[in-house]
Amino acid sequence: MQQLVSAVDNKATKADKTKARLIAVTKRLIQEHGSDRITLRSIAAAARMEAGSIYYHFDSKDEIVRTVLEAIEQAGHDSSPLVRLRAALAAHLKYTIAEHFSSRLKAIRRLPKRLRDHHMKQEREYAAIFAGLLQEAHKKGQLRAGFNLSVVRMLCMGALTWVAEWYDPAGPMSPDDITDELMRLLCSGVIKPPNKV
């Protein structure tokens, strides 16, 4: 088996290996900084190559980011939409804490219209990921009937955005603990069901 893996690895061209390295580096940078904070230069620096060389493999930063997001989606395609929702919420929470998301949104709203529209388009695309996961879970019968999924999505994202106001990194809970707590609230609720007589 190891020989087969080595043979496949040896068939990969230098360009294939460089492209894979760029994807891996971009994935790490997105997780650490968010997609809108990275540039082709920062990707090139992390990959230890000249920024202009990236154009041999990708047409733009957006194409690299899209490739990374598609790869993540494909890797998680077989898992439950609720498992993927938990991962997306965790990523959103970590980014929110790192960027103090509410302050960032206020700053975006003060930008000139052209720049503001660009950033708000990114926010809408990001929100669409959560909307898609909730819709998929609903279609698979994993959600209770009667809820407006748009409201559920906005409540989740609003709750996580607010965490940046009160979260203490020195406190007893990690961002993953807080995400797990939110998923428990979503999946089980807070109120104990009344005892049936």
C-alpha atoms as a PDB file:
ATOM      1  CA  MET A   1       0.000   0.000   0.000  1.00  0.00           C
ATOM      2  CA  GLN A   2       2.825   2.406   0.916  1.00  0.00           C
ATOM      3  CA  GLN A   3       4.463   1.711  -2.452  1.00  0.00           C
ATOM      4  CA  LEU A   4       1.209   2.607  -4.230  1.00  0.00           C
ATOM      5  CA  VAL A   5       0.971   5.896  -2.308  1.00  0.00           C
ATOM      6  CA  SER A   6       4.597   6.679  -3.153  1.00  0.00           C
ATOM      7  CA  ALA A   7       3.986   5.903  -6.820  1.00  0.00           C
ATOM      8  CA  VAL A   8       0.975   8.241  -6.890  1.00  0.00           C
ATOM      9  CA  ASP A   9       2.983  10.947  -5.084  1.00  0.00           C
ATOM     10  CA  ASN A  10       5.807  10.585  -7.605  1.00  0.00           C
ATOM     11  CA  LYS A  11       3.364  11.118 -10.496  1.00  0.00           C
ATOM     12  CA  ALA A  12       2.372  14.526  -9.132  1.00  0.00           C
ATOM     13  CA  THR A  13       4.108  17.288 -11.053  1.00  0.00           C
ATOM     14  CA  LYS A  14       5.973  20.131  -9.418  1.00  0.00           C
ATOM     15  CA  ALA A  15       3.045  22.391 -10.409  1.00  0.00           C
ATOM     16  CA  ASP A  16       0.569  19.999  -8.711  1.00  0.00           C
ATOM     17  CA  LYS A  17       2.627  20.007  -5.527  1.00  0.00           C
ATOM     18  CA  THR A  18       2.925  23.814  -5.556  1.00  0.00           C
ATOM     19  CA  LYS A  19      -0.823  24.180  -6.091  1.00  0.00           C
ATOM     20  CA  ALA A  20      -1.525  21.774  -3.208  1.00  0.00           C
ATOM     21  CA  ARG A  21       0.884  23.767  -0.999  1.00  0.00           C
ATOM     22  CA  LEU A  22      -0.892  27.025  -1.897  1.00  0.00           C
ATOM     23  CA  ILE A  23      -4.260  25.479  -1.017  1.00  0.00           C
ATOM     24  CA  ALA A  24      -2.952  24.151   2.331  1.00  0.00           C
ATOM     25  CA  VAL A  25      -1.342  27.486   3.213  1.00  0.00           C
ATOM     26  CA  THR A  26      -4.476  29.435   2.245  1.00  0.00           C
ATOM     27  CA  LYS A  27      -6.661  27.126   4.345  1.00  0.00           C
ATOM     28  CA  ARG A  28      -4.439  27.759   7.381  1.00  0.00           C
ATOM     29  CA  LEU A  29      -4.429  31.531   6.801  1.00  0.00           C
ATOM     30  CA  ILE A  30      -8.240  31.614   6.442  1.00  0.00           C
ATOM     31  CA  GLN A  31      -8.613  29.718   9.721  1.00  0.00           C
ATOM     32  CA  GLU A  32      -6.187  32.073  11.484  1.00  0.00           C
ATOM     33  CA  HIS A  33      -7.191  35.436   9.989  1.00  0.00           C
ATOM     34  CA  GLY A  34     -10.407  35.130   7.941  1.00  0.00           C
ATOM     35  CA  SER A  35     -10.564  35.253   4.155  1.00  0.00           C
ATOM     36  CA  ASP A  36     -10.865  39.038   3.863  1.00  0.00           C
ATOM     37  CA  ARG A  37      -7.684  39.687   5.882  1.00  0.00           C
ATOM     38  CA  ILE A  38      -5.349  37.659   3.678  1.00  0.00           C
ATOM     39  CA  THR A  39      -3.769  38.815   0.422  1.00  0.00           C
ATOM     40  CA  LEU A  40      -1.919  37.159  -2.443  1.00  0.00           C
ATOM     41  CA  ARG A  41       1.277  38.525  -0.895  1.00  0.00           C
ATOM     42  CA  SER A  42       0.558  36.953   2.497  1.00  0.00           C
ATOM     43  CA  ILE A  43      -0.289  33.634   0.812  1.00  0.00           C
ATOM     44  CA  ALA A  44       2.929  33.793  -1.233  1.00  0.00           C
ATOM     45  CA  ALA A  45       5.005  34.664   1.844  1.00  0.00           C
ATOM     46  CA  ALA A  46       3.535  31.753   3.818  1.00  0.00           C
ATOM     47  CA  ALA A  47       4.163  29.424   0.861  1.00  0.00           C
ATOM     48  CA  ARG A  48       7.728  30.833   0.466  1.00  0.00           C
ATOM     49  CA  MET A  49       7.322  31.941  -3.121  1.00  0.00           C
ATOM     50  CA  GLU A  50       7.035  35.131  -5.171  1.00  0.00           C
ATOM     51  CA  ALA A  51       3.517  36.631  -5.255  1.00  0.00           C
ATOM     52  CA  GLY A  52       3.549  36.833  -9.060  1.00  0.00           C
ATOM     53  CA  SER A  53       4.189  33.084  -9.300  1.00  0.00           C
ATOM     54  CA  ILE A  54       0.761  32.380  -7.846  1.00  0.00           C
ATOM     55  CA  TYR A  55      -0.832  33.493 -11.123  1.00  0.00           C
ATOM     56  CA  TYR A  56       0.651  30.414 -12.786  1.00  0.00           C
ATOM     57  CA  HIS A  57      -1.668  28.304 -10.607  1.00  0.00           C
ATOM     58  CA  PHE A  58      -4.643  30.602  -9.804  1.00  0.00           C
ATOM     59  CA  ASP A  59      -6.162  33.656 -11.505  1.00  0.00           C
ATOM     60  CA  SER A  60      -6.868  35.513  -8.249  1.00  0.00           C
ATOM     61  CA  LYS A  61      -7.073  35.310  -4.467  1.00  0.00           C
ATOM     62  CA  ASP A  62     -10.823  34.688  -4.827  1.00  0.00           C
ATOM     63  CA  GLU A  63     -10.143  31.592  -6.919  1.00  0.00           C
ATOM     64  CA  ILE A  64      -7.785  30.177  -4.261  1.00  0.00           C
ATOM     65  CA  VAL A  65     -10.290  30.897  -1.476  1.00  0.00           C
ATOM     66  CA  ARG A  66     -13.114  29.339  -3.525  1.00  0.00           C
ATOM     67  CA  THR A  67     -10.968  26.232  -4.125  1.00  0.00           C
ATOM     68  CA  VAL A  68     -10.242  25.937  -0.394  1.00  0.00           C
ATOM     69  CA  LEU A  69     -13.911  26.317   0.577  1.00  0.00           C
ATOM     70  CA  GLU A  70     -14.985  23.762  -2.051  1.00  0.00           C
ATOM     71  CA  ALA A  71     -12.359  21.306  -0.756  1.00  0.00           C
ATOM     72  CA  ILE A  72     -13.576  21.773   2.825  1.00  0.00           C
ATOM     73  CA  GLU A  73     -17.192  21.315   1.705  1.00  0.00           C
ATOM     74  CA  GLN A  74     -16.291  18.185  -0.286  1.00  0.00           C
ATOM     75  CA  ALA A  75     -14.339  16.714   2.646  1.00  0.00           C
ATOM     76  CA  GLY A  76     -17.300  17.239   4.960  1.00  0.00           C
ATOM     77  CA  HIS A  77     -19.985  16.267   2.446  1.00  0.00           C
ATOM     78  CA  ASP A  78     -20.580  12.833   3.953  1.00  0.00           C
ATOM     79  CA  SER A  79     -20.924  14.138   7.492  1.00  0.00           C
ATOM     80  CA  SER A  80     -24.203  15.299   8.981  1.00  0.00           C
ATOM     81  CA  PRO A  81     -25.233  18.895   8.218  1.00  0.00           C
ATOM     82  CA  LEU A  82     -25.463  19.429  11.988  1.00  0.00           C
ATOM     83  CA  VAL A  83     -21.843  18.282  12.398  1.00  0.00           C
ATOM     84  CA  ARG A  84     -20.827  20.692   9.627  1.00  0.00           C
ATOM     85  CA  LEU A  85     -22.975  23.440  11.168  1.00  0.00           C
ATOM     86  CA  ARG A  86     -21.129  22.992  14.462  1.00  0.00           C
ATOM     87  CA  ALA A  87     -17.787  23.299  12.639  1.00  0.00           C
ATOM     88  CA  ALA A  88     -18.970  26.428  10.791  1.00  0.00           C
ATOM     89  CA  LEU A  89     -20.240  27.996  14.036  1.00  0.00           C
ATOM     90  CA  ALA A  90     -16.914  27.225  15.740  1.00  0.00           C
ATOM     91  CA  ALA A  91     -14.993  28.883  12.896  1.00  0.00           C
ATOM     92  CA  HIS A  92     -17.330  31.904  13.048  1.00  0.00           C
ATOM     93  CA  LEU A  93     -16.883  32.203  16.822  1.00  0.00           C
ATOM     94  CA  LYS A  94     -13.074  32.029  16.643  1.00  0.00           C
ATOM     95  CA  TYR A  95     -13.033  34.644  13.890  1.00  0.00           C
ATOM     96  CA  THR A  96     -15.492  36.817  15.831  1.00  0.00           C
ATOM     97  CA  ILE A  97     -13.313  36.739  18.935  1.00  0.00           C
ATOM     98  CA  ALA A  98     -10.141  37.430  16.944  1.00  0.00           C
ATOM     99  CA  GLU A  99     -11.658  40.285  14.934  1.00  0.00           C
ATOM    100  CA  HIS A 100     -14.208  41.687  17.402  1.00  0.00           C
ATOM    101  CA  PHE A 101     -16.838  41.204  14.703  1.00  0.00           C
ATOM    102  CA  SER A 102     -19.355  43.817  15.905  1.00  0.00           C
ATOM    103  CA  SER A 103     -16.705  46.570  15.728  1.00  0.00           C
ATOM    104  CA  ARG A 104     -15.721  45.353  12.282  1.00  0.00           C
ATOM    105  CA  LEU A 105     -19.331  45.526  11.052  1.00  0.00           C
ATOM    106  CA  LYS A 106     -19.681  49.076  12.371  1.00  0.00           C
ATOM    107  CA  ALA A 107     -16.468  50.039  10.543  1.00  0.00           C
ATOM    108  CA  ILE A 108     -17.735  48.437   7.323  1.00  0.00           C
ATOM    109  CA  ARG A 109     -20.963  50.423   7.514  1.00  0.00           C
ATOM    110  CA  ARG A 110     -18.897  53.660   7.568  1.00  0.00           C
ATOM    111  CA  LEU A 111     -16.973  52.787   4.376  1.00  0.00           C
ATOM    112  CA  PRO A 112     -17.722  54.455   1.017  1.00  0.00           C
ATOM    113  CA  LYS A 113     -20.589  52.699  -0.768  1.00  0.00           C
ATOM    114  CA  ARG A 114     -18.410  50.823  -3.314  1.00  0.00           C
ATOM    115  CA  LEU A 115     -16.194  49.317  -0.606  1.00  0.00           C
ATOM    116  CA  ARG A 116     -19.126  48.742   1.743  1.00  0.00           C
ATOM    117  CA  ASP A 117     -21.028  46.851  -0.985  1.00  0.00           C
ATOM    118  CA  HIS A 118     -18.008  44.608  -1.615  1.00  0.00           C
ATOM    119  CA  HIS A 119     -17.683  43.679   2.076  1.00  0.00           C
ATOM    120  CA  MET A 120     -21.426  43.227   2.566  1.00  0.00           C
ATOM    121  CA  LYS A 121     -21.452  40.865  -0.449  1.00  0.00           C
ATOM    122  CA  GLN A 122     -18.818  38.772   1.338  1.00  0.00           C
ATOM    123  CA  GLU A 123     -20.925  38.802   4.524  1.00  0.00           C
ATOM    124  CA  ARG A 124     -23.973  37.603   2.565  1.00  0.00           C
ATOM    125  CA  GLU A 125     -21.963  34.799   0.940  1.00  0.00           C
ATOM    126  CA  TYR A 126     -20.701  33.772   4.382  1.00  0.00           C
ATOM    127  CA  ALA A 127     -24.255  33.784   5.796  1.00  0.00           C
ATOM    128  CA  ALA A 128     -25.358  31.621   2.848  1.00  0.00           C
ATOM    129  CA  ILE A 129     -23.105  28.823   4.146  1.00  0.00           C
ATOM    130  CA  PHE A 130     -25.104  28.693   7.396  1.00  0.00           C
ATOM    131  CA  ALA A 131     -28.410  29.009   5.546  1.00  0.00           C
ATOM    132  CA  GLY A 132     -27.462  26.079   3.302  1.00  0.00           C
ATOM    133  CA  LEU A 133     -26.490  23.867   6.245  1.00  0.00           C
ATOM    134  CA  LEU A 134     -29.756  24.605   8.073  1.00  0.00           C
ATOM    135  CA  GLN A 135     -31.799  23.958   4.934  1.00  0.00           C
ATOM    136  CA  GLU A 136     -29.999  20.662   4.369  1.00  0.00           C
ATOM    137  CA  ALA A 137     -30.624  19.613   7.984  1.00  0.00           C
ATOM    138  CA  HIS A 138     -34.297  20.576   7.590  1.00  0.00           C
ATOM    139  CA  LYS A 139     -34.653  18.508   4.378  1.00  0.00           C
ATOM    140  CA  LYS A 140     -33.104  15.509   6.157  1.00  0.00           C
ATOM    141  CA  GLY A 141     -35.651  15.818   8.977  1.00  0.00           C
ATOM    142  CA  GLN A 142     -33.055  16.738  11.598  1.00  0.00           C
ATOM    143  CA  LEU A 143     -34.798  19.973  12.687  1.00  0.00           C
ATOM    144  CA  ARG A 144     -38.109  20.463  14.465  1.00  0.00           C
ATOM    145  CA  ALA A 145     -40.872  21.838  12.267  1.00  0.00           C
ATOM    146  CA  GLY A 146     -42.270  25.337  12.687  1.00  0.00           C
ATOM    147  CA  PHE A 147     -39.091  27.418  12.919  1.00  0.00           C
ATOM    148  CA  ASN A 148     -38.121  30.168  10.498  1.00  0.00           C
ATOM    149  CA  LEU A 149     -34.628  29.072   9.450  1.00  0.00           C
ATOM    150  CA  SER A 150     -33.605  32.629   8.624  1.00  0.00           C
ATOM    151  CA  VAL A 151     -34.404  33.691  12.181  1.00  0.00           C
ATOM    152  CA  VAL A 152     -32.577  30.656  13.610  1.00  0.00           C
ATOM    153  CA  ARG A 153     -29.501  31.532  11.534  1.00  0.00           C
ATOM    154  CA  MET A 154     -29.561  35.201  12.576  1.00  0.00           C
ATOM    155  CA  LEU A 155     -30.038  34.301  16.264  1.00  0.00           C
ATOM    156  CA  CYS A 156     -27.071  31.895  16.132  1.00  0.00           C
ATOM    157  CA  MET A 157     -24.790  34.354  14.383  1.00  0.00           C
ATOM    158  CA  GLY A 158     -25.966  37.220  16.598  1.00  0.00           C
ATOM    159  CA  ALA A 159     -25.300  35.189  19.749  1.00  0.00           C
ATOM    160  CA  LEU A 160     -21.807  34.300  18.569  1.00  0.00           C
ATOM    161  CA  THR A 161     -21.061  37.875  17.502  1.00  0.00           C
ATOM    162  CA  TRP A 162     -22.008  39.088  20.987  1.00  0.00           C
ATOM    163  CA  VAL A 163     -19.536  36.622  22.563  1.00  0.00           C
ATOM    164  CA  ALA A 164     -16.688  38.986  21.601  1.00  0.00           C
ATOM    165  CA  GLU A 165     -18.122  41.522  24.054  1.00  0.00           C
ATOM    166  CA  TRP A 166     -17.920  39.243  27.091  1.00  0.00           C
ATOM    167  CA  TYR A 167     -15.517  36.387  26.287  1.00  0.00           C
ATOM    168  CA  ASP A 168     -12.487  36.119  28.551  1.00  0.00           C
ATOM    169  CA  PRO A 169      -9.656  34.004  27.084  1.00  0.00           C
ATOM    170  CA  ALA A 170      -8.419  33.417  30.655  1.00  0.00           C
ATOM    171  CA  GLY A 171     -11.864  32.140  31.681  1.00  0.00           C
ATOM    172  CA  PRO A 172     -12.884  28.517  32.148  1.00  0.00           C
ATOM    173  CA  MET A 173     -14.343  27.974  28.652  1.00  0.00           C
ATOM    174  CA  SER A 174     -12.610  27.762  25.284  1.00  0.00           C
ATOM    175  CA  PRO A 175     -14.288  28.885  22.045  1.00  0.00           C
ATOM    176  CA  ASP A 176     -14.940  25.184  21.289  1.00  0.00           C
ATOM    177  CA  ASP A 177     -16.654  24.789  24.695  1.00  0.00           C
ATOM    178  CA  ILE A 178     -18.898  27.772  23.911  1.00  0.00           C
ATOM    179  CA  THR A 179     -19.726  26.332  20.483  1.00  0.00           C
ATOM    180  CA  ASP A 180     -20.639  23.009  22.103  1.00  0.00           C
ATOM    181  CA  GLU A 181     -22.877  24.859  24.568  1.00  0.00           C
ATOM    182  CA  LEU A 182     -24.649  26.643  21.705  1.00  0.00           C
ATOM    183  CA  MET A 183     -25.153  23.334  19.883  1.00  0.00           C
ATOM    184  CA  ARG A 184     -26.620  21.835  23.079  1.00  0.00           C
ATOM    185  CA  LEU A 185     -29.031  24.777  23.276  1.00  0.00           C
ATOM    186  CA  LEU A 186     -29.986  24.326  19.619  1.00  0.00           C
ATOM    187  CA  CYS A 187     -30.375  20.556  19.860  1.00  0.00           C
ATOM    188  CA  SER A 188     -31.950  20.189  23.316  1.00  0.00           C
ATOM    189  CA  GLY A 189     -33.213  23.582  24.443  1.00  0.00           C
ATOM    190  CA  VAL A 190     -32.882  25.105  27.911  1.00  0.00           C
ATOM    191  CA  ILE A 191     -36.256  24.384  29.464  1.00  0.00           C
ATOM    192  CA  LYS A 192     -36.660  20.967  30.997  1.00  0.00           C
ATOM    193  CA  PRO A 193     -39.734  19.237  29.561  1.00  0.00           C
ATOM    194  CA  PRO A 194     -42.527  18.884  32.144  1.00  0.00           C
ATOM    195  CA  ASN A 195     -42.936  15.483  33.769  1.00  0.00           C
ATOM    196  CA  LYS A 196     -45.662  13.538  32.051  1.00  0.00           C
ATOM    197  CA  VAL A 197     -48.300  12.281  34.427  1.00  0.00           C
END
